[in-house]
Structures are given as C-alpha cells and as structure tokens.
Amino acid sequence: MELFESELFGHEKGAFTSAWTTQAGLIAEVEGGTLFLDEIETLSLGTQVKLLRFLQDQTYHALGSPKPRQADVWILAATNAELTRKVRDGTFREDLFYRLAVMTLTLPPLRERRADIPLLAARFWARYADQREGKKRQLSPRALEALCHYIWPGNVRELENVIQQVAMLTDAQTIEPEDLPIPPSLASSASTDNSFKQAKAQVIEQFEKAYLTELLRVHQGNVTQAARAAQTERRVFGRLIKKYHIVKH
C-alpha cells in the first residue's frame, strides 16, 4: 500500500525507509490531464479512502507531508472484476464506486466481438513483425480464421502476446494455424457451410483493409513504398485501395 500511495501521491524525503529523496507522484505529474488506473479493484481499503478524498475535493497529501496539495486531474479507472459484487463483499467501498461510475463504458470480451480480431491482429502484426530483419512476412487467411475461432480467455492482451510470440519466434514467410501458440482444438475451423464461407470472406476483407491502412500510415500515404513493403505490384495495391475506399494520408 505504501509503495502505491507513494507512486500516486508522491513522498517527502524520509517518509519511509527507502525514501532517500523527495519525489512527486503521478497525480502531480499529470496535472491538468488524465490519469489511468488499471485493475482498480486491487486497491487496499486504506488507499481507496485516500483516492476517494482526492476525487471529492481534488486535494491530497504526499507521504510524510502534513501540507495538503491540490491538483486538477481526471481519473480514468478500469477493471475486469465485477465491482458491484466486491461492494457487496465489503472489499470495495460503495462511495468510491459511485464516485468512479460517473460515466461507465462496458467493453465486451474479445470472443463477443470477433470482427475486431482481424483489425487488432493486423495492428499487432505490423508492430512486431517489422522488428525482425529480412523479407516481409504475413498471416495467412487460415491463420486469421484460427485467430477468429479461438475464445481468447485473456482478451486483447492475450491476442497481442500471441502475435508478438509468433512474429519474433517463427521464421516462416507465411504464418499458418500450426505456427500459432494457441490450442489446435480451439483453433479448429473444419466447417465448410455457406455461413462459414461468408464469415471467412469477411475476415479476409477486414484483415486486408486493416493491413493496407496500416501500411499506408507507416509510409505516410506513399503507395509505391507501401506496395513494395507488401511485396506486391503498385497497380494491384492501388486496386485494393479503391476496393476498400481507403483514404491516403
């Protein structure tokens, strides 16, 4: 608790054993801006009281200082826990819950918004695959299908970890489902009915659009350079831009 409060509110020299110097906290550093607190449910009850006090009157005390300080900071909090249940259990303060819940946004798990998977995969692939030297590599349509059929218990973070792992550890020019570090049984895509084919076509289109858009962004709208990076002809690249109505920036 002492370490977190020090990070959040700052501390004076000598406030605790390892406080060799005075240090400003995150609240002071983001003055006039927004502070993001992830896993808010893990705060101790004591820290919750101090955070509530800050939310109520925008004042706080650095550890070891009797002088109150003021800051104009927005707090954005996130959790993957059911806070209402924690309120009932007595592990999360009800008054803090309502202070934080002025505006709430519920984001469904990744398995319930599969249309986002190709877009996220393309973004992560562009980020991590470019860190490897050599020829440009790509995710195959079958690999994308596998990603879209996996249930992703770890949500977006797990997807990013999978893409990073395969980008850094796999040398294949085209990544196939067998290269993905996810259980084969959960990545299976054996169905061949019309609805599946439609879903497959949609996944491929979403990936192509996201991939082309990201390439153009990286190359600042230069179609020739983007086509070269994609290892395709400029006219083919141009047709795809028109097909997906991509705006060059």
C-alpha atoms as a PDB file:
ATOM      1  CA  MET A   1       0.000   0.000   0.000  1.00  0.00           C
ATOM      2  CA  GLU A   2       2.809   2.408   0.911  1.00  0.00           C
ATOM      3  CA  LEU A   3       4.520   1.861  -2.451  1.00  0.00           C
ATOM      4  CA  PHE A   4       1.353   2.520  -4.449  1.00  0.00           C
ATOM      5  CA  GLU A   5       0.462   5.624  -2.444  1.00  0.00           C
ATOM      6  CA  SER A   6       3.990   6.897  -2.981  1.00  0.00           C
ATOM      7  CA  GLU A   7       3.649   6.375  -6.740  1.00  0.00           C
ATOM      8  CA  LEU A   8       0.247   8.047  -6.774  1.00  0.00           C
ATOM      9  CA  PHE A   9       0.665  10.928  -4.324  1.00  0.00           C
ATOM     10  CA  GLY A  10       4.446  11.259  -4.051  1.00  0.00           C
ATOM     11  CA  HIS A  11       6.511  11.355  -0.881  1.00  0.00           C
ATOM     12  CA  GLU A  12       8.835  13.539   1.149  1.00  0.00           C
ATOM     13  CA  LYS A  13      12.407  12.610   1.929  1.00  0.00           C
ATOM     14  CA  GLY A  14      12.472  10.263   4.920  1.00  0.00           C
ATOM     15  CA  ALA A  15       8.764   9.410   4.709  1.00  0.00           C
ATOM     16  CA  PHE A  16       9.705   5.729   4.819  1.00  0.00           C
ATOM     17  CA  THR A  17      12.839   3.603   4.905  1.00  0.00           C
ATOM     18  CA  SER A  18      13.827   3.820   1.221  1.00  0.00           C
ATOM     19  CA  ALA A  19      12.653   7.417   0.670  1.00  0.00           C
ATOM     20  CA  TRP A  20      16.100   8.929   0.113  1.00  0.00           C
ATOM     21  CA  THR A  21      14.769  11.928  -1.808  1.00  0.00           C
ATOM     22  CA  THR A  22      11.533  13.853  -2.255  1.00  0.00           C
ATOM     23  CA  GLN A  23       9.550  12.585  -5.216  1.00  0.00           C
ATOM     24  CA  ALA A  24       6.454  13.882  -6.959  1.00  0.00           C
ATOM     25  CA  GLY A  25       3.655  11.390  -7.574  1.00  0.00           C
ATOM     26  CA  LEU A  26       1.684  10.572 -10.699  1.00  0.00           C
ATOM     27  CA  ILE A  27      -1.086  12.980  -9.774  1.00  0.00           C
ATOM     28  CA  ALA A  28       1.337  15.888  -9.725  1.00  0.00           C
ATOM     29  CA  GLU A  29       2.946  14.781 -12.983  1.00  0.00           C
ATOM     30  CA  VAL A  30      -0.336  14.658 -14.913  1.00  0.00           C
ATOM     31  CA  GLU A  31      -1.634  17.985 -13.615  1.00  0.00           C
ATOM     32  CA  GLY A  32      -4.316  19.235 -15.996  1.00  0.00           C
ATOM     33  CA  GLY A  33      -4.606  15.837 -17.692  1.00  0.00           C
ATOM     34  CA  THR A  34      -5.976  12.331 -17.180  1.00  0.00           C
ATOM     35  CA  LEU A  35      -4.568   9.521 -15.035  1.00  0.00           C
ATOM     36  CA  PHE A  36      -5.421   5.927 -15.982  1.00  0.00           C
ATOM     37  CA  LEU A  37      -5.645   3.442 -13.109  1.00  0.00           C
ATOM     38  CA  ASP A  38      -5.882  -0.171 -14.238  1.00  0.00           C
ATOM     39  CA  GLU A  39      -7.109  -3.031 -12.019  1.00  0.00           C
ATOM     40  CA  ILE A  40      -8.740  -0.547  -9.656  1.00  0.00           C
ATOM     41  CA  GLU A  41     -10.267  -3.427  -7.683  1.00  0.00           C
ATOM     42  CA  THR A  42      -6.844  -4.318  -6.234  1.00  0.00           C
ATOM     43  CA  LEU A  43      -6.577  -1.129  -4.151  1.00  0.00           C
ATOM     44  CA  SER A  44      -6.493  -1.647  -0.397  1.00  0.00           C
ATOM     45  CA  LEU A  45      -9.341  -0.132   1.622  1.00  0.00           C
ATOM     46  CA  GLY A  46      -6.937   2.412   3.084  1.00  0.00           C
ATOM     47  CA  THR A  47      -5.809   3.583  -0.347  1.00  0.00           C
ATOM     48  CA  GLN A  48      -9.422   3.655  -1.503  1.00  0.00           C
ATOM     49  CA  VAL A  49     -10.196   6.177   1.248  1.00  0.00           C
ATOM     50  CA  LYS A  50      -7.394   8.472   0.097  1.00  0.00           C
ATOM     51  CA  LEU A  51      -8.370   8.188  -3.553  1.00  0.00           C
ATOM     52  CA  LEU A  52     -11.997   8.965  -2.634  1.00  0.00           C
ATOM     53  CA  ARG A  53     -10.867  12.059  -0.751  1.00  0.00           C
ATOM     54  CA  PHE A  54      -8.953  13.247  -3.783  1.00  0.00           C
ATOM     55  CA  LEU A  55     -11.943  12.664  -6.078  1.00  0.00           C
ATOM     56  CA  GLN A  56     -14.185  14.618  -3.731  1.00  0.00           C
ATOM     57  CA  ASP A  57     -12.148  17.797  -3.281  1.00  0.00           C
ATOM     58  CA  GLN A  58      -9.097  17.388  -5.579  1.00  0.00           C
ATOM     59  CA  THR A  59      -6.716  17.555  -2.621  1.00  0.00           C
ATOM     60  CA  TYR A  60      -4.187  15.006  -1.367  1.00  0.00           C
ATOM     61  CA  HIS A  61      -1.192  14.604   0.910  1.00  0.00           C
ATOM     62  CA  ALA A  62       2.194  13.347  -0.217  1.00  0.00           C
ATOM     63  CA  LEU A  63       3.514  10.673   2.133  1.00  0.00           C
ATOM     64  CA  GLY A  64       5.346  12.318   5.024  1.00  0.00           C
ATOM     65  CA  SER A  65       3.903  15.776   4.358  1.00  0.00           C
ATOM     66  CA  PRO A  66       1.244  17.454   6.545  1.00  0.00           C
ATOM     67  CA  LYS A  67       0.586  20.056   3.848  1.00  0.00           C
ATOM     68  CA  PRO A  68      -2.420  19.397   1.577  1.00  0.00           C
ATOM     69  CA  ARG A  69      -1.857  19.774  -2.142  1.00  0.00           C
ATOM     70  CA  GLN A  70      -4.345  20.354  -4.912  1.00  0.00           C
ATOM     71  CA  ALA A  71      -4.433  19.027  -8.468  1.00  0.00           C
ATOM     72  CA  ASP A  72      -6.773  19.235 -11.434  1.00  0.00           C
ATOM     73  CA  VAL A  73      -6.735  15.657 -12.718  1.00  0.00           C
ATOM     74  CA  TRP A  74      -9.317  13.398 -14.351  1.00  0.00           C
ATOM     75  CA  ILE A  75      -9.282   9.796 -13.151  1.00  0.00           C
ATOM     76  CA  LEU A  76      -9.999   7.004 -15.644  1.00  0.00           C
ATOM     77  CA  ALA A  77     -10.261   3.593 -13.977  1.00  0.00           C
ATOM     78  CA  ALA A  78     -10.519   0.096 -15.443  1.00  0.00           C
ATOM     79  CA  THR A  79     -11.275  -3.328 -14.030  1.00  0.00           C
ATOM     80  CA  ASN A  80     -12.076  -6.823 -15.220  1.00  0.00           C
ATOM     81  CA  ALA A  81     -13.829  -7.606 -11.934  1.00  0.00           C
ATOM     82  CA  GLU A  82     -17.489  -7.151 -11.039  1.00  0.00           C
ATOM     83  CA  LEU A  83     -17.189  -4.177  -8.712  1.00  0.00           C
ATOM     84  CA  THR A  84     -20.804  -4.362  -7.538  1.00  0.00           C
ATOM     85  CA  ARG A  85     -20.057  -7.817  -6.153  1.00  0.00           C
ATOM     86  CA  LYS A  86     -16.937  -6.515  -4.427  1.00  0.00           C
ATOM     87  CA  VAL A  87     -19.024  -3.728  -2.917  1.00  0.00           C
ATOM     88  CA  ARG A  88     -21.411  -6.346  -1.514  1.00  0.00           C
ATOM     89  CA  ASP A  89     -18.428  -8.351  -0.227  1.00  0.00           C
ATOM     90  CA  GLY A  90     -17.049  -5.293   1.526  1.00  0.00           C
ATOM     91  CA  THR A  91     -13.738  -5.319  -0.368  1.00  0.00           C
ATOM     92  CA  PHE A  92     -14.514  -2.198  -2.414  1.00  0.00           C
ATOM     93  CA  ARG A  93     -16.011   0.985  -0.985  1.00  0.00           C
ATOM     94  CA  GLU A  94     -19.506   1.793  -2.210  1.00  0.00           C
ATOM     95  CA  ASP A  95     -18.904   5.553  -2.088  1.00  0.00           C
ATOM     96  CA  LEU A  96     -15.744   5.208  -4.205  1.00  0.00           C
ATOM     97  CA  PHE A  97     -17.612   3.004  -6.672  1.00  0.00           C
ATOM     98  CA  TYR A  98     -20.229   5.687  -7.279  1.00  0.00           C
ATOM     99  CA  ARG A  99     -17.588   8.404  -7.488  1.00  0.00           C
ATOM    100  CA  LEU A 100     -15.823   6.461 -10.236  1.00  0.00           C
ATOM    101  CA  ALA A 101     -19.028   5.415 -12.018  1.00  0.00           C
ATOM    102  CA  VAL A 102     -19.993   8.914 -13.146  1.00  0.00           C
ATOM    103  CA  MET A 103     -19.534   7.636 -16.695  1.00  0.00           C
ATOM    104  CA  THR A 104     -19.080   3.938 -17.410  1.00  0.00           C
ATOM    105  CA  LEU A 105     -18.125   2.010 -20.518  1.00  0.00           C
ATOM    106  CA  THR A 106     -18.586  -1.756 -20.632  1.00  0.00           C
ATOM    107  CA  LEU A 107     -16.365  -3.447 -23.194  1.00  0.00           C
ATOM    108  CA  PRO A 108     -17.474  -6.989 -24.127  1.00  0.00           C
ATOM    109  CA  PRO A 109     -14.813  -9.722 -24.140  1.00  0.00           C
ATOM    110  CA  LEU A 110     -12.972 -10.267 -27.400  1.00  0.00           C
ATOM    111  CA  ARG A 111     -14.827 -13.520 -28.100  1.00  0.00           C
ATOM    112  CA  GLU A 112     -18.061 -11.496 -28.342  1.00  0.00           C
ATOM    113  CA  ARG A 113     -16.666  -9.022 -30.887  1.00  0.00           C
ATOM    114  CA  ARG A 114     -14.813 -11.262 -33.295  1.00  0.00           C
ATOM    115  CA  ALA A 115     -14.984  -8.663 -36.061  1.00  0.00           C
ATOM    116  CA  ASP A 116     -12.322  -6.730 -34.115  1.00  0.00           C
ATOM    117  CA  ILE A 117      -9.852  -9.631 -34.152  1.00  0.00           C
ATOM    118  CA  PRO A 118      -8.533  -9.157 -37.746  1.00  0.00           C
ATOM    119  CA  LEU A 119      -8.107  -5.421 -37.148  1.00  0.00           C
ATOM    120  CA  LEU A 120      -6.237  -5.923 -33.888  1.00  0.00           C
ATOM    121  CA  ALA A 121      -4.173  -8.766 -35.350  1.00  0.00           C
ATOM    122  CA  ALA A 122      -3.144  -6.580 -38.292  1.00  0.00           C
ATOM    123  CA  ARG A 123      -2.112  -3.753 -35.977  1.00  0.00           C
ATOM    124  CA  PHE A 124      -0.092  -6.013 -33.689  1.00  0.00           C
ATOM    125  CA  TRP A 125       1.463  -7.825 -36.669  1.00  0.00           C
ATOM    126  CA  ALA A 126       2.580  -4.537 -38.216  1.00  0.00           C
ATOM    127  CA  ARG A 127       4.105  -3.557 -34.872  1.00  0.00           C
ATOM    128  CA  TYR A 128       6.013  -6.731 -34.059  1.00  0.00           C
ATOM    129  CA  ALA A 129       6.766  -8.304 -37.446  1.00  0.00           C
ATOM    130  CA  ASP A 130       8.642  -5.180 -38.536  1.00  0.00           C
ATOM    131  CA  GLN A 131      11.075  -5.700 -35.661  1.00  0.00           C
ATOM    132  CA  ARG A 132      12.519  -8.701 -37.469  1.00  0.00           C
ATOM    133  CA  GLU A 133      15.018  -8.206 -40.269  1.00  0.00           C
ATOM    134  CA  GLY A 134      14.530  -9.846 -43.648  1.00  0.00           C
ATOM    135  CA  LYS A 135      11.617 -10.220 -46.032  1.00  0.00           C
ATOM    136  CA  LYS A 136       8.133  -9.134 -45.130  1.00  0.00           C
ATOM    137  CA  ARG A 137       6.017 -11.926 -43.708  1.00  0.00           C
ATOM    138  CA  GLN A 138       2.274 -12.275 -43.460  1.00  0.00           C
ATOM    139  CA  LEU A 139      -0.548 -14.056 -41.678  1.00  0.00           C
ATOM    140  CA  SER A 140      -2.346 -16.495 -43.959  1.00  0.00           C
ATOM    141  CA  PRO A 141      -6.162 -16.443 -44.305  1.00  0.00           C
ATOM    142  CA  ARG A 142      -6.223 -19.794 -42.473  1.00  0.00           C
ATOM    143  CA  ALA A 143      -4.233 -18.301 -39.602  1.00  0.00           C
ATOM    144  CA  LEU A 144      -6.713 -15.436 -39.386  1.00  0.00           C
ATOM    145  CA  GLU A 145      -9.568 -17.924 -39.314  1.00  0.00           C
ATOM    146  CA  ALA A 146      -7.882 -19.716 -36.425  1.00  0.00           C
ATOM    147  CA  LEU A 147      -7.470 -16.462 -34.529  1.00  0.00           C
ATOM    148  CA  CYS A 148     -11.137 -15.610 -35.079  1.00  0.00           C
ATOM    149  CA  HIS A 149     -12.297 -19.017 -33.827  1.00  0.00           C
ATOM    150  CA  TYR A 150     -10.237 -19.002 -30.634  1.00  0.00           C
ATOM    151  CA  ILE A 151     -12.142 -17.983 -27.469  1.00  0.00           C
ATOM    152  CA  TRP A 152      -9.411 -15.619 -26.097  1.00  0.00           C
ATOM    153  CA  PRO A 153      -9.810 -16.024 -22.328  1.00  0.00           C
ATOM    154  CA  GLY A 154      -7.069 -13.390 -21.922  1.00  0.00           C
ATOM    155  CA  ASN A 155      -8.809 -10.951 -24.293  1.00  0.00           C
ATOM    156  CA  VAL A 156      -6.784  -8.356 -26.228  1.00  0.00           C
ATOM    157  CA  ARG A 157      -3.649  -8.800 -24.136  1.00  0.00           C
ATOM    158  CA  GLU A 158      -3.546 -12.499 -24.978  1.00  0.00           C
ATOM    159  CA  LEU A 159      -4.027 -11.743 -28.679  1.00  0.00           C
ATOM    160  CA  GLU A 160      -1.152  -9.259 -28.584  1.00  0.00           C
ATOM    161  CA  ASN A 161       1.075 -11.778 -26.792  1.00  0.00           C
ATOM    162  CA  VAL A 162       0.269 -14.484 -29.366  1.00  0.00           C
ATOM    163  CA  ILE A 163       1.043 -12.171 -32.291  1.00  0.00           C
ATOM    164  CA  GLN A 164       4.258 -10.968 -30.658  1.00  0.00           C
ATOM    165  CA  GLN A 165       5.401 -14.514 -29.941  1.00  0.00           C
ATOM    166  CA  VAL A 166       4.784 -15.813 -33.445  1.00  0.00           C
ATOM    167  CA  ALA A 167       6.307 -12.694 -35.021  1.00  0.00           C
ATOM    168  CA  MET A 168       9.502 -12.966 -33.005  1.00  0.00           C
ATOM    169  CA  LEU A 169       9.981 -16.749 -32.890  1.00  0.00           C
ATOM    170  CA  THR A 170       8.649 -18.029 -36.238  1.00  0.00           C
ATOM    171  CA  ASP A 171      10.750 -17.757 -39.396  1.00  0.00           C
ATOM    172  CA  ALA A 172       8.062 -18.872 -41.850  1.00  0.00           C
ATOM    173  CA  GLN A 173       7.294 -16.444 -44.672  1.00  0.00           C
ATOM    174  CA  THR A 174       3.562 -17.095 -44.292  1.00  0.00           C
ATOM    175  CA  ILE A 175       2.181 -17.831 -40.853  1.00  0.00           C
ATOM    176  CA  GLU A 176      -0.228 -20.782 -40.786  1.00  0.00           C
ATOM    177  CA  PRO A 177      -2.510 -22.028 -37.969  1.00  0.00           C
ATOM    178  CA  GLU A 178       0.121 -24.613 -36.985  1.00  0.00           C
ATOM    179  CA  ASP A 179       2.533 -21.758 -36.195  1.00  0.00           C
ATOM    180  CA  LEU A 180       0.172 -20.086 -33.723  1.00  0.00           C
ATOM    181  CA  PRO A 181       0.767 -20.757 -29.999  1.00  0.00           C
ATOM    182  CA  ILE A 182      -2.906 -21.483 -29.321  1.00  0.00           C
ATOM    183  CA  PRO A 183      -4.561 -24.888 -28.727  1.00  0.00           C
ATOM    184  CA  PRO A 184      -5.314 -26.551 -32.093  1.00  0.00           C
ATOM    185  CA  SER A 185      -8.663 -27.862 -30.872  1.00  0.00           C
ATOM    186  CA  LEU A 186      -9.820 -24.330 -30.121  1.00  0.00           C
ATOM    187  CA  ALA A 187      -8.415 -23.002 -33.385  1.00  0.00           C
ATOM    188  CA  SER A 188     -10.203 -25.605 -35.483  1.00  0.00           C
ATOM    189  CA  SER A 189     -12.191 -24.373 -38.475  1.00  0.00           C
ATOM    190  CA  ALA A 190     -13.477 -27.508 -40.128  1.00  0.00           C
ATOM    191  CA  SER A 191     -16.956 -26.247 -41.033  1.00  0.00           C
ATOM    192  CA  THR A 192     -17.471 -25.551 -44.748  1.00  0.00           C
ATOM    193  CA  ASP A 193     -21.095 -24.393 -44.959  1.00  0.00           C
ATOM    194  CA  ASN A 194     -22.129 -21.144 -46.646  1.00  0.00           C
ATOM    195  CA  SER A 195     -22.279 -19.136 -43.414  1.00  0.00           C
ATOM    196  CA  PHE A 196     -18.697 -20.129 -42.632  1.00  0.00           C
ATOM    197  CA  LYS A 197     -17.539 -19.165 -46.113  1.00  0.00           C
ATOM    198  CA  GLN A 198     -19.188 -15.798 -45.707  1.00  0.00           C
ATOM    199  CA  ALA A 199     -17.518 -15.329 -42.346  1.00  0.00           C
ATOM    200  CA  LYS A 200     -14.171 -16.316 -43.880  1.00  0.00           C
ATOM    201  CA  ALA A 201     -14.566 -13.777 -46.680  1.00  0.00           C
ATOM    202  CA  GLN A 202     -15.453 -11.096 -44.158  1.00  0.00           C
ATOM    203  CA  VAL A 203     -12.405 -11.890 -42.021  1.00  0.00           C
ATOM    204  CA  ILE A 204     -10.099 -11.715 -45.051  1.00  0.00           C
ATOM    205  CA  GLU A 205     -11.592  -8.400 -46.167  1.00  0.00           C
ATOM    206  CA  GLN A 206     -11.259  -6.913 -42.699  1.00  0.00           C
ATOM    207  CA  PHE A 207      -7.653  -8.018 -42.455  1.00  0.00           C
ATOM    208  CA  GLU A 208      -6.763  -6.724 -45.934  1.00  0.00           C
ATOM    209  CA  LYS A 209      -8.316  -3.349 -45.221  1.00  0.00           C
ATOM    210  CA  ALA A 210      -6.611  -3.033 -41.836  1.00  0.00           C
ATOM    211  CA  TYR A 211      -3.272  -4.225 -43.249  1.00  0.00           C
ATOM    212  CA  LEU A 212      -3.357  -1.792 -46.190  1.00  0.00           C
ATOM    213  CA  THR A 213      -4.435   1.094 -43.985  1.00  0.00           C
ATOM    214  CA  GLU A 214      -1.596   0.444 -41.545  1.00  0.00           C
ATOM    215  CA  LEU A 215       0.974   0.177 -44.363  1.00  0.00           C
ATOM    216  CA  LEU A 216      -0.152   3.489 -45.820  1.00  0.00           C
ATOM    217  CA  ARG A 217       0.051   5.079 -42.393  1.00  0.00           C
ATOM    218  CA  VAL A 218       3.583   3.787 -41.845  1.00  0.00           C
ATOM    219  CA  HIS A 219       4.673   5.028 -45.288  1.00  0.00           C
ATOM    220  CA  GLN A 220       2.816   8.343 -44.937  1.00  0.00           C
ATOM    221  CA  GLY A 221       0.466   7.666 -47.840  1.00  0.00           C
ATOM    222  CA  ASN A 222       3.181   6.737 -50.331  1.00  0.00           C
ATOM    223  CA  VAL A 223       1.524   3.997 -52.401  1.00  0.00           C
ATOM    224  CA  THR A 224       4.747   2.929 -54.134  1.00  0.00           C
ATOM    225  CA  GLN A 225       6.612   2.385 -50.866  1.00  0.00           C
ATOM    226  CA  ALA A 226       3.614   0.668 -49.260  1.00  0.00           C
ATOM    227  CA  ALA A 227       3.234  -1.683 -52.242  1.00  0.00           C
ATOM    228  CA  ARG A 228       6.942  -2.500 -52.104  1.00  0.00           C
ATOM    229  CA  ALA A 229       6.653  -3.273 -48.381  1.00  0.00           C
ATOM    230  CA  ALA A 230       3.689  -5.549 -49.103  1.00  0.00           C
ATOM    231  CA  GLN A 231       5.714  -7.218 -51.877  1.00  0.00           C
ATOM    232  CA  THR A 232       3.006  -6.611 -54.453  1.00  0.00           C
ATOM    233  CA  GLU A 233       2.698  -4.568 -57.633  1.00  0.00           C
ATOM    234  CA  ARG A 234       1.705  -0.944 -57.308  1.00  0.00           C
ATOM    235  CA  ARG A 235      -1.321  -1.334 -59.592  1.00  0.00           C
ATOM    236  CA  VAL A 236      -2.589  -4.295 -57.545  1.00  0.00           C
ATOM    237  CA  PHE A 237      -2.095  -2.306 -54.368  1.00  0.00           C
ATOM    238  CA  GLY A 238      -3.920   0.627 -55.953  1.00  0.00           C
ATOM    239  CA  ARG A 239      -6.894  -1.557 -56.898  1.00  0.00           C
ATOM    240  CA  LEU A 240      -7.175  -2.780 -53.326  1.00  0.00           C
ATOM    241  CA  ILE A 241      -7.127   0.805 -52.032  1.00  0.00           C
ATOM    242  CA  LYS A 242     -10.039   1.636 -54.331  1.00  0.00           C
ATOM    243  CA  LYS A 243     -11.854  -1.580 -53.429  1.00  0.00           C
ATOM    244  CA  TYR A 244     -11.858  -0.759 -49.729  1.00  0.00           C
ATOM    245  CA  HIS A 245     -12.226   3.024 -50.183  1.00  0.00           C
ATOM    246  CA  ILE A 246      -9.099   3.667 -48.145  1.00  0.00           C
ATOM    247  CA  VAL A 247      -8.151   7.310 -47.725  1.00  0.00           C
ATOM    248  CA  LYS A 248      -4.424   8.000 -48.205  1.00  0.00           C
ATOM    249  CA  HIS A 249      -2.945  10.289 -45.556  1.00  0.00           C
END
